[in-house]
Amino acid sequence: MCKHILNAQVSIRSPCCRKWFDCVECHQERETHPLLQSFEMIFACKKCKKCFRKDVQEFEEADEYCPHCDNHFVLDALTPKAAITIEADDIRKDARMIKDDRVKQQESKTIFDPDLDADKLG
């Protein structure tokens, strides 16, 4: 599972150490040597778990699919992004921040609601 590319569809076999990685950054983190560049790449499809070779010098639009299962493995990479979230204590201890849609909530009252306090005026 790659933490750099969230939607990686294939694993790539590095030509230098013959190990499988999901991206170049994963290779840099785990290995001490630089990645050897090659024009012939070996992929392993994550959908059908079968390996295949592609020559990147002659890469065409039809080569963006796994030859075994037609999984489209050339996608725009989704990288993790920072998000602003509500920081709270553990929900199991204090669930006041979570609204339960199954329970009918009390309607909010304003000073302009004449129904309840109509007899108190005057």
N, C-alpha and C. Protein backbone atom coordinates (compact mmCIF):
# COMPACT_ATOMS: atom_id res chain seq x y z
N MET A 1 0.84 -1.17 0.00
CA MET A 1 0.00 0.00 0.00
C MET A 1 0.88 1.23 0.00
N CYS A 2 0.71 2.07 -0.97
CA CYS A 2 1.54 3.25 -1.11
C CYS A 2 0.93 4.42 -0.36
N LYS A 3 1.76 5.12 0.40
CA LYS A 3 1.26 6.29 1.11
C LYS A 3 1.45 7.57 0.29
N HIS A 4 2.12 7.48 -0.84
CA HIS A 4 2.36 8.64 -1.68
C HIS A 4 1.30 8.79 -2.77
N ILE A 5 0.89 7.70 -3.37
CA ILE A 5 -0.12 7.70 -4.42
C ILE A 5 -1.27 6.81 -3.94
N LEU A 6 -2.41 7.42 -3.70
CA LEU A 6 -3.52 6.69 -3.08
C LEU A 6 -4.23 5.73 -4.03
N ASN A 7 -4.20 6.00 -5.31
CA ASN A 7 -4.94 5.16 -6.26
C ASN A 7 -4.00 4.39 -7.19
N ALA A 8 -2.88 3.91 -6.66
CA ALA A 8 -1.93 3.16 -7.49
C ALA A 8 -2.57 1.86 -7.95
N GLN A 9 -2.57 1.63 -9.26
CA GLN A 9 -3.22 0.46 -9.85
C GLN A 9 -2.25 -0.67 -10.15
N VAL A 10 -0.94 -0.36 -10.20
CA VAL A 10 0.07 -1.37 -10.50
C VAL A 10 1.26 -1.20 -9.56
N SER A 11 2.00 -2.27 -9.38
CA SER A 11 3.30 -2.22 -8.73
C SER A 11 4.36 -2.30 -9.81
N ILE A 12 5.49 -1.66 -9.58
CA ILE A 12 6.55 -1.60 -10.57
C ILE A 12 7.77 -2.33 -10.02
N ARG A 13 8.38 -3.17 -10.84
CA ARG A 13 9.59 -3.87 -10.42
C ARG A 13 10.79 -3.01 -10.79
N SER A 14 11.60 -2.68 -9.79
CA SER A 14 12.76 -1.82 -10.05
C SER A 14 13.84 -2.63 -10.76
N PRO A 15 14.47 -2.06 -11.79
CA PRO A 15 15.49 -2.80 -12.53
C PRO A 15 16.79 -2.95 -11.77
N CYS A 16 17.02 -2.13 -10.74
CA CYS A 16 18.30 -2.18 -10.03
C CYS A 16 18.32 -3.30 -8.98
N CYS A 17 17.31 -3.39 -8.15
CA CYS A 17 17.33 -4.39 -7.07
C CYS A 17 16.28 -5.48 -7.24
N ARG A 18 15.48 -5.40 -8.30
CA ARG A 18 14.46 -6.39 -8.63
C ARG A 18 13.43 -6.58 -7.52
N LYS A 19 13.10 -5.49 -6.83
CA LYS A 19 12.05 -5.52 -5.81
C LYS A 19 10.85 -4.74 -6.33
N TRP A 20 9.67 -5.04 -5.76
CA TRP A 20 8.42 -4.42 -6.20
C TRP A 20 8.12 -3.19 -5.35
N PHE A 21 7.76 -2.08 -6.02
CA PHE A 21 7.41 -0.84 -5.35
C PHE A 21 6.20 -0.23 -6.05
N ASP A 22 5.44 0.57 -5.31
CA ASP A 22 4.28 1.24 -5.89
C ASP A 22 4.65 2.55 -6.56
N CYS A 23 5.72 3.20 -6.10
CA CYS A 23 6.13 4.47 -6.71
C CYS A 23 7.62 4.69 -6.46
N VAL A 24 8.16 5.73 -7.07
CA VAL A 24 9.58 6.05 -6.94
C VAL A 24 9.91 6.46 -5.51
N GLU A 25 9.01 7.18 -4.86
CA GLU A 25 9.26 7.62 -3.49
C GLU A 25 9.36 6.44 -2.53
N CYS A 26 8.58 5.41 -2.77
CA CYS A 26 8.66 4.20 -1.92
C CYS A 26 10.03 3.55 -2.08
N HIS A 27 10.56 3.52 -3.29
CA HIS A 27 11.90 2.96 -3.53
C HIS A 27 12.96 3.80 -2.81
N GLN A 28 12.84 5.11 -2.87
CA GLN A 28 13.82 5.98 -2.22
C GLN A 28 13.80 5.83 -0.71
N GLU A 29 12.63 5.60 -0.13
CA GLU A 29 12.53 5.45 1.33
C GLU A 29 13.12 4.14 1.82
N ARG A 30 12.94 3.07 1.06
CA ARG A 30 13.34 1.75 1.54
C ARG A 30 14.75 1.33 1.13
N GLU A 31 15.26 1.90 0.04
CA GLU A 31 16.57 1.47 -0.46
C GLU A 31 17.59 2.59 -0.32
N THR A 32 18.87 2.21 -0.26
CA THR A 32 19.94 3.19 -0.12
C THR A 32 20.54 3.60 -1.45
N HIS A 33 20.27 2.87 -2.50
CA HIS A 33 20.83 3.17 -3.82
C HIS A 33 19.81 3.95 -4.66
N PRO A 34 20.26 4.70 -5.67
CA PRO A 34 19.32 5.40 -6.54
C PRO A 34 18.62 4.43 -7.49
N LEU A 35 17.46 4.82 -7.94
CA LEU A 35 16.68 3.99 -8.86
C LEU A 35 17.32 4.01 -10.24
N LEU A 36 17.60 2.84 -10.79
CA LEU A 36 18.16 2.71 -12.12
C LEU A 36 17.04 2.88 -13.14
N GLN A 37 17.23 3.76 -14.10
CA GLN A 37 16.20 4.00 -15.10
C GLN A 37 16.34 3.03 -16.26
N SER A 38 15.19 2.58 -16.74
CA SER A 38 15.17 1.61 -17.83
C SER A 38 13.97 1.92 -18.72
N PHE A 39 14.07 1.57 -20.01
CA PHE A 39 12.96 1.80 -20.93
C PHE A 39 11.96 0.65 -20.92
N GLU A 40 12.39 -0.52 -20.49
CA GLU A 40 11.46 -1.64 -20.38
C GLU A 40 11.07 -1.79 -18.91
N MET A 41 9.77 -1.66 -18.65
CA MET A 41 9.29 -1.72 -17.27
C MET A 41 8.43 -2.96 -17.08
N ILE A 42 8.51 -3.53 -15.89
CA ILE A 42 7.71 -4.69 -15.54
C ILE A 42 6.70 -4.25 -14.50
N PHE A 43 5.41 -4.49 -14.81
CA PHE A 43 4.31 -4.09 -13.93
C PHE A 43 3.62 -5.32 -13.38
N ALA A 44 2.99 -5.17 -12.23
CA ALA A 44 2.11 -6.19 -11.67
C ALA A 44 0.77 -5.52 -11.40
N CYS A 45 -0.27 -5.96 -12.07
CA CYS A 45 -1.60 -5.38 -11.91
C CYS A 45 -2.14 -5.74 -10.53
N LYS A 46 -2.68 -4.75 -9.83
CA LYS A 46 -3.22 -5.01 -8.50
C LYS A 46 -4.62 -5.60 -8.56
N LYS A 47 -5.26 -5.56 -9.72
CA LYS A 47 -6.60 -6.11 -9.84
C LYS A 47 -6.56 -7.61 -10.12
N CYS A 48 -5.78 -8.02 -11.13
CA CYS A 48 -5.75 -9.44 -11.50
C CYS A 48 -4.50 -10.15 -10.98
N LYS A 49 -3.55 -9.41 -10.40
CA LYS A 49 -2.32 -9.96 -9.82
C LYS A 49 -1.41 -10.64 -10.85
N LYS A 50 -1.47 -10.21 -12.11
CA LYS A 50 -0.62 -10.77 -13.15
C LYS A 50 0.40 -9.74 -13.59
N CYS A 51 1.57 -10.22 -14.02
CA CYS A 51 2.66 -9.34 -14.42
C CYS A 51 2.69 -9.19 -15.94
N PHE A 52 3.20 -8.04 -16.39
CA PHE A 52 3.35 -7.79 -17.82
C PHE A 52 4.45 -6.75 -18.01
N ARG A 53 5.01 -6.75 -19.22
CA ARG A 53 6.09 -5.82 -19.58
C ARG A 53 5.58 -4.78 -20.56
N LYS A 54 6.12 -3.56 -20.42
CA LYS A 54 5.79 -2.48 -21.35
C LYS A 54 7.07 -1.74 -21.71
N ASP A 55 7.20 -1.40 -22.99
CA ASP A 55 8.31 -0.59 -23.45
C ASP A 55 7.84 0.86 -23.43
N VAL A 56 8.46 1.69 -22.60
CA VAL A 56 7.98 3.06 -22.43
C VAL A 56 8.41 3.97 -23.58
N GLN A 57 9.33 3.53 -24.43
CA GLN A 57 9.68 4.33 -25.60
C GLN A 57 8.55 4.33 -26.62
N GLU A 58 7.82 3.24 -26.70
CA GLU A 58 6.72 3.11 -27.66
C GLU A 58 5.38 3.03 -26.94
N PHE A 59 5.20 3.83 -25.90
CA PHE A 59 3.99 3.78 -25.08
C PHE A 59 2.86 4.52 -25.79
N GLU A 60 1.75 3.82 -26.04
CA GLU A 60 0.60 4.40 -26.72
C GLU A 60 -0.60 4.42 -25.78
N GLU A 61 -1.70 4.98 -26.26
CA GLU A 61 -2.90 5.06 -25.44
C GLU A 61 -3.46 3.67 -25.12
N ALA A 62 -3.30 2.74 -26.03
CA ALA A 62 -3.77 1.38 -25.78
C ALA A 62 -2.95 0.67 -24.72
N ASP A 63 -1.73 1.15 -24.45
CA ASP A 63 -0.88 0.54 -23.45
C ASP A 63 -1.22 0.98 -22.03
N GLU A 64 -2.25 1.80 -21.86
CA GLU A 64 -2.64 2.26 -20.53
C GLU A 64 -3.52 1.25 -19.80
N TYR A 65 -3.75 0.10 -20.41
CA TYR A 65 -4.62 -0.92 -19.84
C TYR A 65 -3.85 -2.22 -19.62
N CYS A 66 -4.24 -2.94 -18.58
CA CYS A 66 -3.63 -4.25 -18.31
C CYS A 66 -4.01 -5.19 -19.44
N PRO A 67 -3.05 -5.93 -20.01
CA PRO A 67 -3.39 -6.84 -21.12
C PRO A 67 -4.20 -8.06 -20.68
N HIS A 68 -4.26 -8.32 -19.37
CA HIS A 68 -4.98 -9.50 -18.88
C HIS A 68 -6.42 -9.20 -18.49
N CYS A 69 -6.64 -8.06 -17.80
CA CYS A 69 -7.99 -7.78 -17.28
C CYS A 69 -8.55 -6.44 -17.73
N ASP A 70 -7.83 -5.70 -18.58
CA ASP A 70 -8.25 -4.39 -19.08
C ASP A 70 -8.44 -3.36 -17.97
N ASN A 71 -7.72 -3.50 -16.89
CA ASN A 71 -7.74 -2.49 -15.82
C ASN A 71 -6.97 -1.26 -16.30
N HIS A 72 -7.58 -0.10 -16.24
CA HIS A 72 -6.94 1.14 -16.66
C HIS A 72 -5.99 1.57 -15.55
N PHE A 73 -4.67 1.35 -15.75
CA PHE A 73 -3.72 1.62 -14.68
C PHE A 73 -3.04 2.97 -14.81
N VAL A 74 -3.20 3.69 -15.91
CA VAL A 74 -2.64 5.03 -16.04
C VAL A 74 -3.73 6.03 -15.67
N LEU A 75 -3.70 6.48 -14.43
CA LEU A 75 -4.69 7.42 -13.91
C LEU A 75 -3.97 8.64 -13.36
N ASP A 76 -4.69 9.73 -13.19
CA ASP A 76 -4.12 10.87 -12.48
C ASP A 76 -3.91 10.46 -11.03
N ALA A 77 -2.71 10.67 -10.53
CA ALA A 77 -2.36 10.22 -9.19
C ALA A 77 -3.06 11.07 -8.15
N LEU A 78 -3.68 10.42 -7.17
CA LEU A 78 -4.28 11.11 -6.04
C LEU A 78 -3.27 11.06 -4.89
N THR A 79 -2.79 12.21 -4.50
CA THR A 79 -1.83 12.27 -3.41
C THR A 79 -2.54 12.76 -2.16
N PRO A 80 -2.12 12.32 -0.98
CA PRO A 80 -2.78 12.78 0.24
C PRO A 80 -2.60 14.28 0.44
N LYS A 81 -3.66 14.93 0.88
CA LYS A 81 -3.62 16.37 1.13
C LYS A 81 -4.03 16.63 2.57
N ALA A 82 -3.51 17.70 3.11
CA ALA A 82 -3.88 18.09 4.47
C ALA A 82 -5.32 18.58 4.48
N ALA A 83 -6.04 18.25 5.53
CA ALA A 83 -7.43 18.65 5.65
C ALA A 83 -7.67 19.24 7.03
N ILE A 84 -8.57 20.18 7.09
CA ILE A 84 -8.94 20.77 8.37
C ILE A 84 -10.08 19.95 8.94
N THR A 85 -9.89 19.42 10.12
CA THR A 85 -10.92 18.62 10.76
C THR A 85 -11.15 19.14 12.18
N ILE A 86 -12.21 18.69 12.78
CA ILE A 86 -12.51 19.06 14.16
C ILE A 86 -11.72 18.15 15.07
N GLU A 87 -10.91 18.76 15.91
CA GLU A 87 -10.14 17.97 16.87
C GLU A 87 -10.94 17.87 18.14
N ALA A 88 -11.20 16.67 18.57
CA ALA A 88 -11.97 16.45 19.78
C ALA A 88 -11.40 15.23 20.49
N ASP A 89 -11.94 14.99 21.66
CA ASP A 89 -11.55 13.80 22.40
C ASP A 89 -12.13 12.57 21.71
N ASP A 90 -11.87 11.45 22.27
CA ASP A 90 -12.37 10.20 21.71
C ASP A 90 -13.90 10.21 21.71
N ILE A 91 -14.50 9.86 20.59
CA ILE A 91 -15.95 9.90 20.44
C ILE A 91 -16.62 8.92 21.39
N ARG A 92 -15.94 7.82 21.70
CA ARG A 92 -16.55 6.82 22.57
C ARG A 92 -16.72 7.35 23.99
N LYS A 93 -15.90 8.31 24.39
CA LYS A 93 -16.02 8.89 25.72
C LYS A 93 -17.02 10.04 25.76
N ASP A 94 -16.97 10.91 24.74
CA ASP A 94 -17.80 12.11 24.74
C ASP A 94 -18.40 12.28 23.35
N ALA A 95 -19.67 11.97 23.22
CA ALA A 95 -20.31 12.02 21.92
C ALA A 95 -21.23 13.23 21.77
N ARG A 96 -20.96 14.30 22.49
CA ARG A 96 -21.83 15.48 22.40
C ARG A 96 -21.69 16.20 21.07
N MET A 97 -20.56 16.03 20.38
CA MET A 97 -20.35 16.73 19.12
C MET A 97 -21.02 16.03 17.94
N ILE A 98 -21.47 14.81 18.15
CA ILE A 98 -22.06 14.05 17.05
C ILE A 98 -23.57 14.17 17.13
N LYS A 99 -24.19 14.54 16.03
CA LYS A 99 -25.63 14.68 15.95
C LYS A 99 -26.21 13.36 15.49
N ASP A 100 -27.16 12.84 16.24
CA ASP A 100 -27.81 11.58 15.88
C ASP A 100 -29.06 11.92 15.09
N ASP A 101 -29.10 11.53 13.82
CA ASP A 101 -30.22 11.85 12.95
C ASP A 101 -31.46 11.02 13.29
N ARG A 102 -31.30 9.95 14.04
CA ARG A 102 -32.45 9.11 14.38
C ARG A 102 -33.32 9.74 15.46
N VAL A 103 -32.71 10.58 16.31
CA VAL A 103 -33.43 11.22 17.39
C VAL A 103 -33.90 12.59 16.92
N LYS A 104 -35.18 12.88 17.16
CA LYS A 104 -35.71 14.18 16.75
C LYS A 104 -35.15 15.25 17.67
N GLN A 105 -34.53 16.22 17.08
CA GLN A 105 -33.91 17.31 17.84
C GLN A 105 -34.98 18.33 18.21
N GLN A 106 -34.78 19.00 19.34
CA GLN A 106 -35.69 20.07 19.74
C GLN A 106 -35.51 21.25 18.79
N GLU A 107 -36.62 21.83 18.40
CA GLU A 107 -36.54 22.97 17.51
C GLU A 107 -35.99 24.16 18.26
N SER A 108 -35.16 24.93 17.60
CA SER A 108 -34.60 26.10 18.26
C SER A 108 -35.67 27.17 18.38
N LYS A 109 -35.67 27.86 19.51
CA LYS A 109 -36.68 28.89 19.78
C LYS A 109 -36.03 30.25 19.74
N THR A 110 -36.76 31.20 19.23
CA THR A 110 -36.28 32.57 19.19
C THR A 110 -37.24 33.46 19.98
N ILE A 111 -36.89 34.69 20.16
CA ILE A 111 -37.77 35.60 20.88
C ILE A 111 -38.96 36.02 20.04
N PHE A 112 -38.93 35.68 18.77
CA PHE A 112 -40.02 36.06 17.88
C PHE A 112 -41.09 34.97 17.75
N ASP A 113 -40.95 33.85 18.46
CA ASP A 113 -41.96 32.80 18.43
C ASP A 113 -43.08 33.16 19.41
N PRO A 114 -44.26 33.52 18.93
CA PRO A 114 -45.32 33.97 19.85
C PRO A 114 -46.12 32.83 20.45
N ASP A 115 -45.88 31.58 20.03
CA ASP A 115 -46.75 30.48 20.44
C ASP A 115 -46.69 30.21 21.94
N LEU A 116 -45.53 30.05 22.51
CA LEU A 116 -45.41 29.63 23.90
C LEU A 116 -45.60 30.80 24.89
N ASP A 117 -45.14 31.96 24.54
CA ASP A 117 -45.17 33.07 25.49
C ASP A 117 -46.21 34.12 25.14
N ALA A 118 -47.21 33.77 24.38
CA ALA A 118 -48.23 34.75 23.98
C ALA A 118 -49.07 35.21 25.16
N ASP A 119 -49.34 34.33 26.10
CA ASP A 119 -50.19 34.70 27.24
C ASP A 119 -49.39 35.48 28.30
N LYS A 120 -48.07 35.47 28.24
CA LYS A 120 -47.27 36.17 29.25
C LYS A 120 -47.04 37.62 28.88
N LEU A 121 -47.34 38.01 27.69
CA LEU A 121 -47.14 39.37 27.28
C LEU A 121 -48.25 40.27 27.82
N GLY A 122 -47.92 41.44 28.25
CA GLY A 122 -48.92 42.41 28.54
C GLY A 122 -49.31 42.57 29.90
